[in-house]
Amino acid sequence: MIKYDLNYYYRLHDVPEETQRVRDIRTQAVAAIATTWHDQPDTLHFIKQFIASDNDGYMRSIAVQEIARGWHDESDTLPLLKQLITSDDNVE
């Protein structure tokens, strides 16, 4: 579901209802992964990989928020967040 999209072509700014629907579904999927499998050792790595590979700056920012929310007590979270935020010009 984190890669969910409509099965037809649309431009993000031309069809705001569809864009928002897709973003809502994908946002819920990222949040569900982060909370449901928070204690699994590969979850943080999975979310980092999602940030590195997803084309949607909005969704990358959602994933960054989930890292900040779920792994705020990890020692490498703050440097990671700073790096992600400063290196990605497309994060919303």
Protein backbone atom coordinates (compact mmCIF):
# COMPACT_ATOMS: atom_id res chain seq x y z
CA MET A 1 0.00 0.00 0.00
CA ILE A 2 2.92 2.38 0.42
CA LYS A 3 3.33 2.34 -3.36
CA TYR A 4 -0.42 2.60 -4.00
CA ASP A 5 -1.49 4.70 -6.95
CA LEU A 6 -4.45 4.98 -9.24
CA ASN A 7 -4.44 2.74 -12.29
CA TYR A 8 -4.64 5.64 -14.71
CA TYR A 9 -2.48 8.63 -15.53
CA TYR A 10 -3.20 11.89 -13.76
CA ARG A 11 -1.21 15.01 -12.97
CA LEU A 12 -0.79 15.76 -9.30
CA HIS A 13 -1.96 19.35 -9.59
CA ASP A 14 -4.72 18.78 -12.15
CA VAL A 15 -6.74 16.33 -10.07
CA PRO A 16 -6.40 17.30 -6.40
CA GLU A 17 -9.10 14.90 -5.16
CA GLU A 18 -7.34 11.85 -6.57
CA THR A 19 -3.96 13.12 -5.44
CA GLN A 20 -5.24 13.57 -1.89
CA ARG A 21 -6.90 10.13 -1.90
CA VAL A 22 -3.64 8.46 -2.95
CA ARG A 23 -1.66 10.42 -0.37
CA ASP A 24 -4.13 9.56 2.39
CA ILE A 25 -3.88 5.83 1.63
CA ARG A 26 -0.11 5.90 1.40
CA THR A 27 0.20 8.02 4.57
CA GLN A 28 -1.92 5.53 6.51
CA ALA A 29 0.17 2.66 5.17
CA VAL A 30 3.47 4.25 6.24
CA ALA A 31 2.04 5.04 9.69
CA ALA A 32 0.71 1.49 10.05
CA ILE A 33 4.09 0.00 9.21
CA ALA A 34 5.90 2.32 11.61
CA THR A 35 3.55 1.60 14.52
CA THR A 36 2.67 -2.05 13.93
CA TRP A 37 6.22 -3.25 13.36
CA HIS A 38 8.03 -0.64 15.42
CA ASP A 39 9.83 -3.26 17.50
CA GLN A 40 11.04 -5.24 14.49
CA PRO A 41 14.70 -4.58 13.73
CA ASP A 42 14.16 -4.09 9.99
CA THR A 43 11.34 -1.54 10.21
CA LEU A 44 13.54 1.53 10.58
CA HIS A 45 15.73 0.34 7.74
CA PHE A 46 12.63 -0.25 5.60
CA ILE A 47 11.38 3.30 6.22
CA LYS A 48 14.83 4.73 5.43
CA GLN A 49 14.82 2.78 2.16
CA PHE A 50 11.37 4.13 1.40
CA ILE A 51 12.66 7.68 1.89
CA ALA A 52 15.59 6.99 -0.40
CA SER A 53 13.49 5.46 -3.17
CA ASP A 54 10.11 7.18 -3.24
CA ASN A 55 9.50 9.87 -5.87
CA ASP A 56 6.92 11.84 -3.90
CA GLY A 57 8.42 14.51 -1.64
CA TYR A 58 5.24 14.62 0.41
CA MET A 59 5.48 10.91 1.16
CA ARG A 60 9.16 11.18 2.01
CA SER A 61 8.26 13.88 4.54
CA ILE A 62 5.59 11.59 6.04
CA ALA A 63 8.20 8.85 6.45
CA VAL A 64 10.62 11.33 8.06
CA GLN A 65 7.86 12.29 10.52
CA GLU A 66 7.31 8.63 11.36
CA ILE A 67 11.01 8.18 12.10
CA ALA A 68 10.95 11.27 14.34
CA ARG A 69 7.85 10.00 16.11
CA GLY A 70 8.78 6.36 16.53
CA TRP A 71 12.55 6.39 16.90
CA HIS A 72 13.17 9.73 18.63
CA ASP A 73 15.13 8.05 21.40
CA GLU A 74 17.64 6.39 19.04
CA SER A 75 21.05 8.04 19.09
CA ASP A 76 21.32 8.31 15.31
CA THR A 77 17.82 9.71 14.71
CA LEU A 78 18.61 13.41 15.09
CA PRO A 79 21.63 13.38 12.75
CA LEU A 80 19.63 11.27 10.27
CA LEU A 81 16.69 13.68 10.34
CA LYS A 82 18.96 16.68 9.87
CA GLN A 83 20.64 14.99 6.91
CA LEU A 84 17.34 13.99 5.32
CA ILE A 85 15.76 17.39 5.73
CA THR A 86 18.73 19.37 4.46
CA SER A 87 19.56 17.09 1.54
CA ASP A 88 16.07 16.72 0.03
CA ASP A 89 14.80 19.85 -1.71
CA ASN A 90 11.50 18.17 -2.52
CA VAL A 91 10.38 17.27 0.98
CA GLU A 92 7.19 19.18 1.75
